[in-house]
Amino acid sequence: MSSSAEHVPGSMRDFADVRELAAADMRDVDALIRQRLSSDVVLINQIADHIIAGGGKRLRPMLHVLAAGAAGYTGEQHIKLAAVIEFIHTSTLLHDDVVDESDLRRGRKTANALWGNAASVLVGDFLYSRSFQLMVELNDMRIMRILADTTNTIAEGEVLQLLNIGNADVNETAYLAVIERKTAVLFAAATELGGLLGGLPTDQVAALRRYGMELGYAFQIADDLLDYVSDAGTLGKNIGDDLAEGKPTLPLIYALETADAKQVQSLRHAIEHGGLDSLDHIIAAIRDSGALERTRERAVAHAKAACEALASLPASTHRDALAALADYSVQRTS
């Protein structure tokens, strides 16, 4: 994949460096997450412990603490906001796995596979409501408005994606509308709120939001690409899951535009009926069409746009780390 690494100073080229910069804040975030996940209801604690043990990169809360650092913020509210952002994200994952009937995430059994759909949905609701409890504690109407709008938009994205399942006529515009709502808006909120906490001028807060939005696009497009080029051990989910669920993601959409008539028929059938009976043939058709290269190029273009949005911010190690994350979003293998 082409790289946007030319935007990233040498001291911040590695994801490990970015993680190290955010490490102290993220330890506080993790401690708060554990504290606020606690409940008198045993099943909530069991599922919450399973989610925490599942790890993950905590990318969205990390984005927030880095954006707050880039904005020069020196208080402590960013810790609580980062936890809010992670709760919102985790609740959407619980709901996603139920809707998608997924049994594997990050290489582990999903909550719905272990405890059933009803428990997963309800604990997802618990996380949503917990996030709003934390939000109210910050007592800032600007923050509450951004996060309320964001959660509503995410819900719209979930419904839009549901409508697209099994629809072989979904085009690039419709696909982008889904990933903007489902993924990019939470990235954008995370970074915008960092700028807001730091008291940046309006144009710089807007630039941070634009960075987050572009990064969200890059991240999700790269993620959808991985469904066809990675392996289950690396990716942490079943390869071809998107195809099995009838999700017309960008590699499929691009392949449908350029594949020959026989391949188009096969691709449309796969989207409309799901299943992995002809996965090898489908992946071959996608590769033959040049769709993977086009998808990579689209992801890289968004990553570069994210880096460019940072130009108006004051120079800092935290700004460099945000640029490095843009590069990482399209270079990762999981």
C-alpha atoms as a PDB file:
ATOM      1  CA  MET A   1       0.000   0.000   0.000  1.00  0.00           C
ATOM      2  CA  SER A   2       1.233   3.473  -0.771  1.00  0.00           C
ATOM      3  CA  SER A   3       2.177   5.404   2.309  1.00  0.00           C
ATOM      4  CA  SER A   4       1.549   8.824   3.720  1.00  0.00           C
ATOM      5  CA  ALA A   5       4.676   8.416   5.853  1.00  0.00           C
ATOM      6  CA  GLU A   6       6.290  11.487   4.288  1.00  0.00           C
ATOM      7  CA  HIS A   7       3.938  13.536   6.481  1.00  0.00           C
ATOM      8  CA  VAL A   8       5.230  11.928   9.681  1.00  0.00           C
ATOM      9  CA  PRO A   9       8.405  13.103  11.466  1.00  0.00           C
ATOM     10  CA  GLY A  10      10.988  10.409  12.153  1.00  0.00           C
ATOM     11  CA  SER A  11      10.339  10.299  15.899  1.00  0.00           C
ATOM     12  CA  MET A  12       6.724   9.242  15.343  1.00  0.00           C
ATOM     13  CA  ARG A  13       6.751   6.737  12.512  1.00  0.00           C
ATOM     14  CA  ASP A  14       5.821   3.723  14.621  1.00  0.00           C
ATOM     15  CA  PHE A  15       2.469   2.914  16.224  1.00  0.00           C
ATOM     16  CA  ALA A  16       4.386   1.822  19.327  1.00  0.00           C
ATOM     17  CA  ASP A  17       5.786   5.365  19.636  1.00  0.00           C
ATOM     18  CA  VAL A  18       2.289   6.816  19.456  1.00  0.00           C
ATOM     19  CA  ARG A  19       1.049   4.379  22.066  1.00  0.00           C
ATOM     20  CA  GLU A  20       3.945   5.282  24.347  1.00  0.00           C
ATOM     21  CA  LEU A  21       3.131   8.988  24.089  1.00  0.00           C
ATOM     22  CA  ALA A  22      -0.474   8.304  25.107  1.00  0.00           C
ATOM     23  CA  ALA A  23       0.364   5.560  27.625  1.00  0.00           C
ATOM     24  CA  ALA A  24       0.012   7.519  30.869  1.00  0.00           C
ATOM     25  CA  ASP A  25      -3.355   8.963  29.860  1.00  0.00           C
ATOM     26  CA  MET A  26      -4.555   5.604  28.569  1.00  0.00           C
ATOM     27  CA  ARG A  27      -3.726   3.902  31.870  1.00  0.00           C
ATOM     28  CA  ASP A  28      -5.992   6.426  33.569  1.00  0.00           C
ATOM     29  CA  VAL A  29      -8.660   5.849  30.914  1.00  0.00           C
ATOM     30  CA  ASP A  30      -8.504   2.073  31.381  1.00  0.00           C
ATOM     31  CA  ALA A  31      -8.757   2.456  35.166  1.00  0.00           C
ATOM     32  CA  LEU A  32     -11.832   4.661  34.785  1.00  0.00           C
ATOM     33  CA  ILE A  33     -13.387   2.241  32.294  1.00  0.00           C
ATOM     34  CA  ARG A  34     -12.990  -0.640  34.755  1.00  0.00           C
ATOM     35  CA  GLN A  35     -14.406   1.449  37.578  1.00  0.00           C
ATOM     36  CA  ARG A  36     -17.437   2.661  35.646  1.00  0.00           C
ATOM     37  CA  LEU A  37     -18.235  -0.721  34.081  1.00  0.00           C
ATOM     38  CA  SER A  38     -18.842  -2.136  37.527  1.00  0.00           C
ATOM     39  CA  SER A  39     -22.461  -3.008  38.304  1.00  0.00           C
ATOM     40  CA  ASP A  40     -24.521  -4.783  40.974  1.00  0.00           C
ATOM     41  CA  VAL A  41     -25.844  -6.992  38.165  1.00  0.00           C
ATOM     42  CA  VAL A  42     -23.535 -10.001  37.862  1.00  0.00           C
ATOM     43  CA  LEU A  43     -24.156 -10.644  34.150  1.00  0.00           C
ATOM     44  CA  ILE A  44     -23.174  -7.063  33.275  1.00  0.00           C
ATOM     45  CA  ASN A  45     -19.880  -7.561  35.121  1.00  0.00           C
ATOM     46  CA  GLN A  46     -19.232 -10.869  33.355  1.00  0.00           C
ATOM     47  CA  ILE A  47     -19.779  -9.436  29.894  1.00  0.00           C
ATOM     48  CA  ALA A  48     -17.886  -6.238  30.786  1.00  0.00           C
ATOM     49  CA  ASP A  49     -14.909  -8.285  32.004  1.00  0.00           C
ATOM     50  CA  HIS A  50     -14.997 -10.274  28.765  1.00  0.00           C
ATOM     51  CA  ILE A  51     -14.939  -7.049  26.736  1.00  0.00           C
ATOM     52  CA  ILE A  52     -12.037  -5.584  28.735  1.00  0.00           C
ATOM     53  CA  ALA A  53     -10.050  -8.820  28.482  1.00  0.00           C
ATOM     54  CA  GLY A  54     -10.574  -8.681  24.715  1.00  0.00           C
ATOM     55  CA  GLY A  55      -8.278  -5.688  24.658  1.00  0.00           C
ATOM     56  CA  GLY A  56      -8.202  -3.937  21.334  1.00  0.00           C
ATOM     57  CA  LYS A  57      -6.158  -0.873  20.534  1.00  0.00           C
ATOM     58  CA  ARG A  58      -8.510   1.614  22.222  1.00  0.00           C
ATOM     59  CA  LEU A  59      -7.889   3.728  19.137  1.00  0.00           C
ATOM     60  CA  ARG A  60     -10.824   6.111  19.548  1.00  0.00           C
ATOM     61  CA  PRO A  61     -10.083   7.141  23.153  1.00  0.00           C
ATOM     62  CA  MET A  62      -6.396   7.331  22.240  1.00  0.00           C
ATOM     63  CA  LEU A  63      -7.290   9.707  19.423  1.00  0.00           C
ATOM     64  CA  HIS A  64      -9.107  11.892  21.910  1.00  0.00           C
ATOM     65  CA  VAL A  65      -6.249  12.146  24.423  1.00  0.00           C
ATOM     66  CA  LEU A  66      -3.764  12.829  21.617  1.00  0.00           C
ATOM     67  CA  ALA A  67      -6.010  15.525  20.135  1.00  0.00           C
ATOM     68  CA  ALA A  68      -6.367  17.098  23.577  1.00  0.00           C
ATOM     69  CA  GLY A  69      -2.573  17.056  23.854  1.00  0.00           C
ATOM     70  CA  ALA A  70      -2.211  18.617  20.411  1.00  0.00           C
ATOM     71  CA  ALA A  71      -4.631  21.325  21.573  1.00  0.00           C
ATOM     72  CA  GLY A  72      -2.465  22.043  24.608  1.00  0.00           C
ATOM     73  CA  TYR A  73      -5.010  20.798  27.145  1.00  0.00           C
ATOM     74  CA  THR A  74      -3.572  20.217  30.625  1.00  0.00           C
ATOM     75  CA  GLY A  75      -6.663  19.300  32.692  1.00  0.00           C
ATOM     76  CA  GLU A  76      -8.224  15.931  33.473  1.00  0.00           C
ATOM     77  CA  GLN A  77     -11.580  15.974  31.704  1.00  0.00           C
ATOM     78  CA  HIS A  78     -10.088  14.260  28.661  1.00  0.00           C
ATOM     79  CA  ILE A  79      -9.816  11.033  30.681  1.00  0.00           C
ATOM     80  CA  LYS A  80     -13.547  10.944  31.342  1.00  0.00           C
ATOM     81  CA  LEU A  81     -14.354  11.911  27.748  1.00  0.00           C
ATOM     82  CA  ALA A  82     -12.074   9.183  26.409  1.00  0.00           C
ATOM     83  CA  ALA A  83     -13.971   6.653  28.531  1.00  0.00           C
ATOM     84  CA  VAL A  84     -17.269   7.980  27.177  1.00  0.00           C
ATOM     85  CA  ILE A  85     -16.003   7.526  23.625  1.00  0.00           C
ATOM     86  CA  GLU A  86     -14.882   3.963  24.322  1.00  0.00           C
ATOM     87  CA  PHE A  87     -18.220   3.080  25.947  1.00  0.00           C
ATOM     88  CA  ILE A  88     -20.097   4.361  22.907  1.00  0.00           C
ATOM     89  CA  HIS A  89     -17.821   2.398  20.589  1.00  0.00           C
ATOM     90  CA  THR A  90     -18.062  -0.812  22.618  1.00  0.00           C
ATOM     91  CA  SER A  91     -21.845  -0.611  22.784  1.00  0.00           C
ATOM     92  CA  THR A  92     -21.977  -0.394  18.995  1.00  0.00           C
ATOM     93  CA  LEU A  93     -19.722  -3.471  18.734  1.00  0.00           C
ATOM     94  CA  LEU A  94     -22.050  -5.473  20.971  1.00  0.00           C
ATOM     95  CA  HIS A  95     -25.027  -4.460  18.842  1.00  0.00           C
ATOM     96  CA  ASP A  96     -23.116  -5.032  15.584  1.00  0.00           C
ATOM     97  CA  ASP A  97     -22.194  -8.590  16.529  1.00  0.00           C
ATOM     98  CA  VAL A  98     -25.839  -9.386  17.211  1.00  0.00           C
ATOM     99  CA  VAL A  99     -27.048  -7.869  13.944  1.00  0.00           C
ATOM    100  CA  ASP A 100     -24.254  -9.571  11.980  1.00  0.00           C
ATOM    101  CA  GLU A 101     -24.612 -12.850  13.901  1.00  0.00           C
ATOM    102  CA  SER A 102     -20.844 -12.769  14.436  1.00  0.00           C
ATOM    103  CA  ASP A 103     -19.186 -15.346  16.644  1.00  0.00           C
ATOM    104  CA  LEU A 104     -15.608 -14.030  16.526  1.00  0.00           C
ATOM    105  CA  ARG A 105     -14.043 -10.646  17.290  1.00  0.00           C
ATOM    106  CA  ARG A 106     -10.349  -9.937  17.929  1.00  0.00           C
ATOM    107  CA  GLY A 107      -9.757 -13.666  17.802  1.00  0.00           C
ATOM    108  CA  ARG A 108     -12.160 -14.405  20.673  1.00  0.00           C
ATOM    109  CA  LYS A 109     -15.757 -15.529  20.995  1.00  0.00           C
ATOM    110  CA  THR A 110     -18.189 -12.615  20.862  1.00  0.00           C
ATOM    111  CA  ALA A 111     -20.434 -11.804  23.808  1.00  0.00           C
ATOM    112  CA  ASN A 112     -23.522 -12.880  21.861  1.00  0.00           C
ATOM    113  CA  ALA A 113     -21.897 -16.226  21.071  1.00  0.00           C
ATOM    114  CA  LEU A 114     -21.247 -16.789  24.782  1.00  0.00           C
ATOM    115  CA  TRP A 115     -24.280 -15.219  26.472  1.00  0.00           C
ATOM    116  CA  GLY A 116     -26.830 -14.849  23.692  1.00  0.00           C
ATOM    117  CA  ASN A 117     -28.259 -11.959  21.721  1.00  0.00           C
ATOM    118  CA  ALA A 118     -30.581 -10.593  24.388  1.00  0.00           C
ATOM    119  CA  ALA A 119     -27.822 -10.179  26.970  1.00  0.00           C
ATOM    120  CA  SER A 120     -25.512  -8.546  24.427  1.00  0.00           C
ATOM    121  CA  VAL A 121     -28.109  -6.014  23.312  1.00  0.00           C
ATOM    122  CA  LEU A 122     -29.029  -5.119  26.873  1.00  0.00           C
ATOM    123  CA  VAL A 123     -25.435  -4.724  28.022  1.00  0.00           C
ATOM    124  CA  GLY A 124     -24.853  -2.584  24.931  1.00  0.00           C
ATOM    125  CA  ASP A 125     -27.718  -0.413  26.155  1.00  0.00           C
ATOM    126  CA  PHE A 126     -26.118  -0.306  29.612  1.00  0.00           C
ATOM    127  CA  LEU A 127     -22.890   0.997  28.065  1.00  0.00           C
ATOM    128  CA  TYR A 128     -24.753   3.663  26.108  1.00  0.00           C
ATOM    129  CA  SER A 129     -26.537   4.877  29.221  1.00  0.00           C
ATOM    130  CA  ARG A 130     -23.328   4.733  31.264  1.00  0.00           C
ATOM    131  CA  SER A 131     -21.621   6.907  28.681  1.00  0.00           C
ATOM    132  CA  PHE A 132     -24.347   9.523  29.056  1.00  0.00           C
ATOM    133  CA  GLN A 133     -24.029   9.448  32.835  1.00  0.00           C
ATOM    134  CA  LEU A 134     -20.327  10.245  32.466  1.00  0.00           C
ATOM    135  CA  MET A 135     -21.104  12.893  29.876  1.00  0.00           C
ATOM    136  CA  VAL A 136     -23.490  14.724  32.181  1.00  0.00           C
ATOM    137  CA  GLU A 137     -20.826  14.817  34.900  1.00  0.00           C
ATOM    138  CA  LEU A 138     -18.725  17.042  32.634  1.00  0.00           C
ATOM    139  CA  ASN A 139     -21.547  19.611  32.708  1.00  0.00           C
ATOM    140  CA  ASP A 140     -20.742  21.107  29.309  1.00  0.00           C
ATOM    141  CA  MET A 141     -23.617  21.512  26.865  1.00  0.00           C
ATOM    142  CA  ARG A 142     -21.238  21.750  23.874  1.00  0.00           C
ATOM    143  CA  ILE A 143     -19.776  18.328  24.703  1.00  0.00           C
ATOM    144  CA  MET A 144     -23.183  16.770  25.313  1.00  0.00           C
ATOM    145  CA  ARG A 145     -24.538  18.131  22.033  1.00  0.00           C
ATOM    146  CA  ILE A 146     -21.625  16.728  19.997  1.00  0.00           C
ATOM    147  CA  LEU A 147     -21.853  13.303  21.606  1.00  0.00           C
ATOM    148  CA  ALA A 148     -25.658  13.162  21.473  1.00  0.00           C
ATOM    149  CA  ASP A 149     -25.573  14.031  17.768  1.00  0.00           C
ATOM    150  CA  THR A 150     -22.800  11.491  17.207  1.00  0.00           C
ATOM    151  CA  THR A 151     -24.620   8.587  18.854  1.00  0.00           C
ATOM    152  CA  ASN A 152     -27.765   9.396  16.893  1.00  0.00           C
ATOM    153  CA  THR A 153     -25.811   9.470  13.638  1.00  0.00           C
ATOM    154  CA  ILE A 154     -24.168   6.125  14.459  1.00  0.00           C
ATOM    155  CA  ALA A 155     -27.620   4.601  14.948  1.00  0.00           C
ATOM    156  CA  GLU A 156     -28.647   5.947  11.529  1.00  0.00           C
ATOM    157  CA  GLY A 157     -25.553   4.324  10.043  1.00  0.00           C
ATOM    158  CA  GLU A 158     -26.488   0.976  11.569  1.00  0.00           C
ATOM    159  CA  VAL A 159     -29.918   1.132   9.952  1.00  0.00           C
ATOM    160  CA  LEU A 160     -28.472   2.272   6.609  1.00  0.00           C
ATOM    161  CA  GLN A 161     -26.063  -0.661   6.602  1.00  0.00           C
ATOM    162  CA  LEU A 162     -28.912  -3.031   7.403  1.00  0.00           C
ATOM    163  CA  LEU A 163     -30.792  -1.716   4.365  1.00  0.00           C
ATOM    164  CA  ASN A 164     -27.725  -2.295   2.177  1.00  0.00           C
ATOM    165  CA  ILE A 165     -27.228  -5.939   3.151  1.00  0.00           C
ATOM    166  CA  GLY A 166     -27.860  -8.207   0.209  1.00  0.00           C
ATOM    167  CA  ASN A 167     -28.171  -5.277  -2.190  1.00  0.00           C
ATOM    168  CA  ALA A 168     -25.762  -5.692  -5.109  1.00  0.00           C
ATOM    169  CA  ASP A 169     -26.739  -2.274  -6.483  1.00  0.00           C
ATOM    170  CA  VAL A 170     -25.152  -0.317  -3.615  1.00  0.00           C
ATOM    171  CA  ASN A 171     -22.704   2.204  -5.099  1.00  0.00           C
ATOM    172  CA  GLU A 172     -19.663   3.975  -3.687  1.00  0.00           C
ATOM    173  CA  THR A 173     -21.689   6.990  -2.531  1.00  0.00           C
ATOM    174  CA  ALA A 174     -24.088   4.821  -0.529  1.00  0.00           C
ATOM    175  CA  TYR A 175     -21.182   2.861   0.954  1.00  0.00           C
ATOM    176  CA  LEU A 176     -19.411   6.047   2.043  1.00  0.00           C
ATOM    177  CA  ALA A 177     -22.633   7.333   3.619  1.00  0.00           C
ATOM    178  CA  VAL A 178     -22.678   4.234   5.839  1.00  0.00           C
ATOM    179  CA  ILE A 179     -19.050   4.359   6.950  1.00  0.00           C
ATOM    180  CA  GLU A 180     -19.280   8.094   7.613  1.00  0.00           C
ATOM    181  CA  ARG A 181     -22.123   7.482  10.045  1.00  0.00           C
ATOM    182  CA  LYS A 182     -20.972   4.173  11.502  1.00  0.00           C
ATOM    183  CA  THR A 183     -17.252   4.877  11.885  1.00  0.00           C
ATOM    184  CA  ALA A 184     -15.984   8.292  10.853  1.00  0.00           C
ATOM    185  CA  VAL A 185     -18.314  10.412  13.004  1.00  0.00           C
ATOM    186  CA  LEU A 186     -17.002   8.908  16.250  1.00  0.00           C
ATOM    187  CA  PHE A 187     -13.401   9.495  15.142  1.00  0.00           C
ATOM    188  CA  ALA A 188     -14.390  13.071  14.284  1.00  0.00           C
ATOM    189  CA  ALA A 189     -16.103  13.608  17.639  1.00  0.00           C
ATOM    190  CA  ALA A 190     -13.073  12.228  19.491  1.00  0.00           C
ATOM    191  CA  THR A 191     -10.679  14.668  17.854  1.00  0.00           C
ATOM    192  CA  GLU A 192     -13.061  17.643  17.802  1.00  0.00           C
ATOM    193  CA  LEU A 193     -13.672  17.273  21.531  1.00  0.00           C
ATOM    194  CA  GLY A 194      -9.914  17.290  22.136  1.00  0.00           C
ATOM    195  CA  GLY A 195      -9.673  20.640  20.390  1.00  0.00           C
ATOM    196  CA  LEU A 196     -12.682  21.932  22.294  1.00  0.00           C
ATOM    197  CA  LEU A 197     -11.154  21.012  25.658  1.00  0.00           C
ATOM    198  CA  GLY A 198      -7.920  22.732  24.683  1.00  0.00           C
ATOM    199  CA  GLY A 199      -9.718  25.978  23.840  1.00  0.00           C
ATOM    200  CA  LEU A 200      -8.431  26.118  20.274  1.00  0.00           C
ATOM    201  CA  PRO A 201      -9.819  28.700  17.830  1.00  0.00           C
ATOM    202  CA  THR A 202     -12.914  27.589  15.920  1.00  0.00           C
ATOM    203  CA  ASP A 203     -11.022  26.936  12.695  1.00  0.00           C
ATOM    204  CA  GLN A 204      -8.517  24.665  14.430  1.00  0.00           C
ATOM    205  CA  VAL A 205     -11.271  22.741  16.219  1.00  0.00           C
ATOM    206  CA  ALA A 206     -12.890  22.274  12.806  1.00  0.00           C
ATOM    207  CA  ALA A 207      -9.543  21.103  11.398  1.00  0.00           C
ATOM    208  CA  LEU A 208      -9.282  18.477  14.125  1.00  0.00           C
ATOM    209  CA  ARG A 209     -12.803  17.299  13.343  1.00  0.00           C
ATOM    210  CA  ARG A 210     -11.919  17.112   9.644  1.00  0.00           C
ATOM    211  CA  TYR A 211      -8.796  15.114  10.519  1.00  0.00           C
ATOM    212  CA  GLY A 212     -10.890  12.652  12.534  1.00  0.00           C
ATOM    213  CA  MET A 213     -13.466  12.290   9.778  1.00  0.00           C
ATOM    214  CA  GLU A 214     -10.848  11.604   7.100  1.00  0.00           C
ATOM    215  CA  LEU A 215      -9.033   9.192   9.413  1.00  0.00           C
ATOM    216  CA  GLY A 216     -12.291   7.349  10.032  1.00  0.00           C
ATOM    217  CA  TYR A 217     -12.833   6.924   6.309  1.00  0.00           C
ATOM    218  CA  ALA A 218      -9.258   5.689   5.826  1.00  0.00           C
ATOM    219  CA  PHE A 219      -9.504   3.287   8.759  1.00  0.00           C
ATOM    220  CA  GLN A 220     -12.797   1.696   7.691  1.00  0.00           C
ATOM    221  CA  ILE A 221     -11.882   1.397   4.014  1.00  0.00           C
ATOM    222  CA  ALA A 222      -8.595  -0.261   5.011  1.00  0.00           C
ATOM    223  CA  ASP A 223     -10.542  -2.530   7.371  1.00  0.00           C
ATOM    224  CA  ASP A 224     -12.884  -3.592   4.582  1.00  0.00           C
ATOM    225  CA  LEU A 225      -9.867  -4.293   2.385  1.00  0.00           C
ATOM    226  CA  LEU A 226      -8.385  -6.557   5.069  1.00  0.00           C
ATOM    227  CA  ASP A 227     -11.448  -8.789   4.827  1.00  0.00           C
ATOM    228  CA  TYR A 228     -10.092  -9.953   1.471  1.00  0.00           C
ATOM    229  CA  VAL A 229      -6.309  -9.829   1.888  1.00  0.00           C
ATOM    230  CA  SER A 230      -5.609 -10.877   5.485  1.00  0.00           C
ATOM    231  CA  ASP A 231      -6.047 -14.139   7.380  1.00  0.00           C
ATOM    232  CA  ALA A 232      -8.166 -15.065  10.389  1.00  0.00           C
ATOM    233  CA  GLY A 233      -5.202 -15.413  12.744  1.00  0.00           C
ATOM    234  CA  THR A 234      -3.969 -11.910  11.939  1.00  0.00           C
ATOM    235  CA  LEU A 235      -7.295 -10.164  11.489  1.00  0.00           C
ATOM    236  CA  GLY A 236      -9.021 -11.643  14.527  1.00  0.00           C
ATOM    237  CA  LYS A 237     -12.233 -12.424  12.680  1.00  0.00           C
ATOM    238  CA  ASN A 238     -13.310 -14.853   9.987  1.00  0.00           C
ATOM    239  CA  ILE A 239     -12.049 -13.952   6.536  1.00  0.00           C
ATOM    240  CA  GLY A 240     -14.893 -13.255   4.164  1.00  0.00           C
ATOM    241  CA  ASP A 241     -17.262 -12.296   6.996  1.00  0.00           C
ATOM    242  CA  ASP A 242     -18.420  -9.207   5.097  1.00  0.00           C
ATOM    243  CA  LEU A 243     -19.213 -11.318   2.052  1.00  0.00           C
ATOM    244  CA  ALA A 244     -20.936 -13.994   4.142  1.00  0.00           C
ATOM    245  CA  GLU A 245     -23.167 -11.289   5.617  1.00  0.00           C
ATOM    246  CA  GLY A 246     -23.973  -9.874   2.169  1.00  0.00           C
ATOM    247  CA  LYS A 247     -22.234  -6.557   2.879  1.00  0.00           C
ATOM    248  CA  PRO A 248     -21.302  -4.726  -0.334  1.00  0.00           C
ATOM    249  CA  THR A 249     -18.050  -3.077   0.804  1.00  0.00           C
ATOM    250  CA  LEU A 250     -15.744  -1.063  -1.459  1.00  0.00           C
ATOM    251  CA  PRO A 251     -13.657  -3.953  -2.872  1.00  0.00           C
ATOM    252  CA  LEU A 252     -16.878  -5.614  -4.058  1.00  0.00           C
ATOM    253  CA  ILE A 253     -18.355  -2.371  -5.357  1.00  0.00           C
ATOM    254  CA  TYR A 254     -15.217  -1.605  -7.382  1.00  0.00           C
ATOM    255  CA  ALA A 255     -15.020  -5.175  -8.664  1.00  0.00           C
ATOM    256  CA  LEU A 256     -18.606  -4.992  -9.916  1.00  0.00           C
ATOM    257  CA  GLU A 257     -17.679  -1.897 -11.950  1.00  0.00           C
ATOM    258  CA  THR A 258     -14.851  -3.542 -13.895  1.00  0.00           C
ATOM    259  CA  ALA A 259     -15.208  -7.346 -13.752  1.00  0.00           C
ATOM    260  CA  ASP A 260     -16.309  -9.332 -16.802  1.00  0.00           C
ATOM    261  CA  ALA A 261     -19.928 -10.418 -17.185  1.00  0.00           C
ATOM    262  CA  LYS A 262     -19.442 -13.883 -15.698  1.00  0.00           C
ATOM    263  CA  GLN A 263     -17.593 -12.520 -12.670  1.00  0.00           C
ATOM    264  CA  VAL A 264     -20.214  -9.805 -12.169  1.00  0.00           C
ATOM    265  CA  GLN A 265     -22.917 -12.463 -12.085  1.00  0.00           C
ATOM    266  CA  SER A 266     -20.936 -14.413  -9.490  1.00  0.00           C
ATOM    267  CA  LEU A 267     -20.257 -11.304  -7.382  1.00  0.00           C
ATOM    268  CA  ARG A 268     -23.904 -10.212  -7.437  1.00  0.00           C
ATOM    269  CA  HIS A 269     -25.034 -13.689  -6.424  1.00  0.00           C
ATOM    270  CA  ALA A 270     -22.576 -13.693  -3.508  1.00  0.00           C
ATOM    271  CA  ILE A 271     -23.840 -10.340  -2.209  1.00  0.00           C
ATOM    272  CA  GLU A 272     -27.509 -11.178  -2.659  1.00  0.00           C
ATOM    273  CA  HIS A 273     -27.348 -14.636  -1.099  1.00  0.00           C
ATOM    274  CA  GLY A 274     -24.369 -14.428   1.288  1.00  0.00           C
ATOM    275  CA  GLY A 275     -22.434 -17.530   2.197  1.00  0.00           C
ATOM    276  CA  LEU A 276     -18.872 -18.486   1.402  1.00  0.00           C
ATOM    277  CA  ASP A 277     -19.409 -21.373  -1.006  1.00  0.00           C
ATOM    278  CA  SER A 278     -17.369 -19.655  -3.720  1.00  0.00           C
ATOM    279  CA  LEU A 279     -15.106 -17.430  -1.592  1.00  0.00           C
ATOM    280  CA  ASP A 280     -11.923 -18.380  -3.466  1.00  0.00           C
ATOM    281  CA  HIS A 281     -13.519 -17.554  -6.821  1.00  0.00           C
ATOM    282  CA  ILE A 282     -14.933 -14.286  -5.477  1.00  0.00           C
ATOM    283  CA  ILE A 283     -11.552 -13.180  -4.100  1.00  0.00           C
ATOM    284  CA  ALA A 284      -9.922 -14.111  -7.422  1.00  0.00           C
ATOM    285  CA  ALA A 285     -12.519 -12.023  -9.286  1.00  0.00           C
ATOM    286  CA  ILE A 286     -11.906  -9.064  -6.998  1.00  0.00           C
ATOM    287  CA  ARG A 287      -8.142  -9.325  -7.477  1.00  0.00           C
ATOM    288  CA  ASP A 288      -8.427  -9.696 -11.245  1.00  0.00           C
ATOM    289  CA  SER A 289     -10.578  -6.573 -11.460  1.00  0.00           C
ATOM    290  CA  GLY A 290      -7.980  -4.320  -9.812  1.00  0.00           C
ATOM    291  CA  ALA A 291     -10.494  -3.497  -7.051  1.00  0.00           C
ATOM    292  CA  LEU A 292      -8.006  -4.127  -4.248  1.00  0.00           C
ATOM    293  CA  GLU A 293      -5.536  -1.581  -5.633  1.00  0.00           C
ATOM    294  CA  ARG A 294      -8.338   0.984  -6.111  1.00  0.00           C
ATOM    295  CA  THR A 295      -9.518   0.403  -2.550  1.00  0.00           C
ATOM    296  CA  ARG A 296      -5.989   0.868  -1.199  1.00  0.00           C
ATOM    297  CA  GLU A 297      -5.615   4.092  -3.155  1.00  0.00           C
ATOM    298  CA  ARG A 298      -8.910   5.407  -1.775  1.00  0.00           C
ATOM    299  CA  ALA A 299      -7.858   4.631   1.795  1.00  0.00           C
ATOM    300  CA  VAL A 300      -4.476   6.305   1.300  1.00  0.00           C
ATOM    301  CA  ALA A 301      -6.131   9.393  -0.189  1.00  0.00           C
ATOM    302  CA  HIS A 302      -8.234   9.801   2.961  1.00  0.00           C
ATOM    303  CA  ALA A 303      -5.182   9.236   5.184  1.00  0.00           C
ATOM    304  CA  LYS A 304      -3.311  11.979   3.334  1.00  0.00           C
ATOM    305  CA  ALA A 305      -6.294  14.304   3.645  1.00  0.00           C
ATOM    306  CA  ALA A 306      -6.269  13.628   7.396  1.00  0.00           C
ATOM    307  CA  CYS A 307      -2.601  14.620   7.605  1.00  0.00           C
ATOM    308  CA  GLU A 308      -3.234  17.773   5.581  1.00  0.00           C
ATOM    309  CA  ALA A 309      -6.008  18.804   7.992  1.00  0.00           C
ATOM    310  CA  LEU A 310      -3.412  18.950  10.792  1.00  0.00           C
ATOM    311  CA  ALA A 311      -1.365  21.662   9.051  1.00  0.00           C
ATOM    312  CA  SER A 312      -3.127  24.528  10.811  1.00  0.00           C
ATOM    313  CA  LEU A 313      -2.432  23.144  14.296  1.00  0.00           C
ATOM    314  CA  PRO A 314       0.582  24.254  16.359  1.00  0.00           C
ATOM    315  CA  ALA A 315       3.603  21.981  15.867  1.00  0.00           C
ATOM    316  CA  SER A 316       3.922  19.413  18.664  1.00  0.00           C
ATOM    317  CA  THR A 317       4.764  15.784  19.340  1.00  0.00           C
ATOM    318  CA  HIS A 318       1.059  15.108  19.789  1.00  0.00           C
ATOM    319  CA  ARG A 319       0.291  16.538  16.348  1.00  0.00           C
ATOM    320  CA  ASP A 320       3.049  14.315  14.939  1.00  0.00           C
ATOM    321  CA  ALA A 321       1.425  11.341  16.650  1.00  0.00           C
ATOM    322  CA  LEU A 322      -1.912  12.116  15.008  1.00  0.00           C
ATOM    323  CA  ALA A 323      -0.173  12.210  11.627  1.00  0.00           C
ATOM    324  CA  ALA A 324       1.476   8.871  12.409  1.00  0.00           C
ATOM    325  CA  LEU A 325      -1.929   7.365  13.174  1.00  0.00           C
ATOM    326  CA  ALA A 326      -3.144   8.403   9.732  1.00  0.00           C
ATOM    327  CA  ASP A 327      -0.273   6.455   8.207  1.00  0.00           C
ATOM    328  CA  TYR A 328      -0.861   3.511  10.523  1.00  0.00           C
ATOM    329  CA  SER A 329      -4.547   3.347   9.551  1.00  0.00           C
ATOM    330  CA  VAL A 330      -3.635   2.227   6.038  1.00  0.00           C
ATOM    331  CA  GLN A 331      -0.509   0.215   6.852  1.00  0.00           C
ATOM    332  CA  ARG A 332      -1.909  -2.079   9.550  1.00  0.00           C
ATOM    333  CA  THR A 333      -2.565  -5.787   9.071  1.00  0.00           C
ATOM    334  CA  SER A 334      -5.220  -6.225  11.776  1.00  0.00           C
END
